[in-house]
Amino acid sequence: MAKKKTDEPRFEDLVSQVEQALEQLDSGDLPLEDALKRYEDGVAALRQAFGILKKAEKKVQLLSERDGELATKDFDVEDDEEEPADNKKLF
């Protein structure tokens, strides 16, 4: 079995880094150079987080494949209990 890379940050840690960067930038207390560095770090963490989400989305699609066809549905928080389109269940 393949081992999970331990050097990759967790999604939750990346989100926390972005939140911290936003708080520091919103405070307006950082000198310009520090603010630019913090912004750069926040953008890098955000890009990594989006990459992790994209991988997770692909994995869910692979796991949701049914009879060679993909049964997907856009996620809507208000509408998350409805059945997938064409009444195809994901599981």
Protein backbone atom coordinates (compact mmCIF):
# COMPACT_ATOMS: atom_id res chain seq x y z
CA MET A 1 0.00 0.00 0.00
CA ALA A 2 1.32 3.45 -0.89
CA LYS A 3 2.22 5.73 1.96
CA LYS A 4 0.65 9.17 2.18
CA LYS A 5 3.10 12.00 1.74
CA THR A 6 3.66 13.48 5.17
CA ASP A 7 5.41 16.58 3.89
CA GLU A 8 2.22 17.90 2.29
CA PRO A 9 0.28 20.29 4.53
CA ARG A 10 -3.26 19.40 5.52
CA PHE A 11 -6.15 21.28 3.91
CA GLU A 12 -7.28 22.61 7.29
CA ASP A 13 -3.80 23.93 8.06
CA LEU A 14 -3.70 25.75 4.73
CA VAL A 15 -7.09 27.35 5.36
CA SER A 16 -5.85 28.45 8.78
CA GLN A 17 -2.78 30.03 7.17
CA VAL A 18 -5.00 31.95 4.73
CA GLU A 19 -7.25 33.14 7.58
CA GLN A 20 -4.24 34.32 9.60
CA ALA A 21 -2.83 36.17 6.60
CA LEU A 22 -6.18 37.89 6.05
CA GLU A 23 -6.41 38.93 9.69
CA GLN A 24 -2.91 40.40 9.64
CA LEU A 25 -3.50 42.20 6.35
CA ASP A 26 -6.88 43.53 7.54
CA SER A 27 -5.29 44.95 10.69
CA GLY A 28 -3.25 47.38 8.59
CA ASP A 29 -0.40 47.18 11.12
CA LEU A 30 2.15 45.50 8.84
CA PRO A 31 4.83 47.48 7.02
CA LEU A 32 4.51 47.28 3.23
CA GLU A 33 7.24 44.67 2.72
CA ASP A 34 5.79 42.43 5.45
CA ALA A 35 2.28 42.87 4.05
CA LEU A 36 3.44 41.85 0.57
CA LYS A 37 5.20 38.78 1.97
CA ARG A 38 2.13 37.83 3.99
CA TYR A 39 -0.07 38.28 0.92
CA GLU A 40 2.29 36.10 -1.13
CA ASP A 41 2.25 33.40 1.55
CA GLY A 42 -1.55 33.53 1.74
CA VAL A 43 -1.94 33.18 -2.03
CA ALA A 44 0.46 30.22 -2.06
CA ALA A 45 -1.50 28.50 0.73
CA LEU A 46 -4.78 29.20 -1.07
CA ARG A 47 -3.46 27.67 -4.30
CA GLN A 48 -2.32 24.56 -2.42
CA ALA A 49 -5.73 24.28 -0.76
CA PHE A 50 -7.49 24.52 -4.12
CA GLY A 51 -5.17 21.81 -5.45
CA ILE A 52 -6.13 19.53 -2.58
CA LEU A 53 -9.82 20.21 -3.24
CA LYS A 54 -9.38 19.43 -6.93
CA LYS A 55 -7.72 16.09 -6.09
CA ALA A 56 -10.52 15.27 -3.66
CA GLU A 57 -13.13 16.13 -6.30
CA LYS A 58 -11.48 13.80 -8.82
CA LYS A 59 -11.31 11.03 -6.24
CA VAL A 60 -15.00 11.41 -5.41
CA GLN A 61 -15.84 11.31 -9.12
CA LEU A 62 -13.85 8.10 -9.54
CA LEU A 63 -15.52 6.54 -6.53
CA SER A 64 -18.94 7.68 -7.74
CA GLU A 65 -18.59 6.12 -11.17
CA ARG A 66 -21.50 3.85 -11.88
CA ASP A 67 -21.82 1.49 -14.85
CA GLY A 68 -19.13 3.39 -16.71
CA GLU A 69 -21.06 6.64 -16.32
CA LEU A 70 -20.48 9.34 -13.80
CA ALA A 71 -23.42 10.23 -11.59
CA THR A 72 -22.56 13.76 -10.56
CA LYS A 73 -24.58 16.64 -9.22
CA ASP A 74 -23.62 20.19 -8.37
CA PHE A 75 -23.58 20.69 -4.61
CA ASP A 76 -25.95 23.23 -3.16
CA VAL A 77 -26.03 23.71 0.61
CA GLU A 78 -29.74 24.54 0.55
CA ASP A 79 -30.48 21.60 -1.70
CA ASP A 80 -28.15 18.87 -0.42
CA GLU A 81 -30.85 16.32 0.37
CA GLU A 82 -32.33 16.09 -3.12
CA GLU A 83 -31.59 13.12 -5.34
CA PRO A 84 -29.02 13.43 -8.12
CA ALA A 85 -30.19 14.32 -11.62
CA ASP A 86 -31.95 11.50 -13.50
CA ASN A 87 -32.62 9.89 -10.10
CA LYS A 88 -29.23 8.17 -10.21
CA LYS A 89 -27.99 7.62 -6.72
CA LEU A 90 -24.31 8.10 -6.08
CA PHE A 91 -24.08 5.16 -3.66
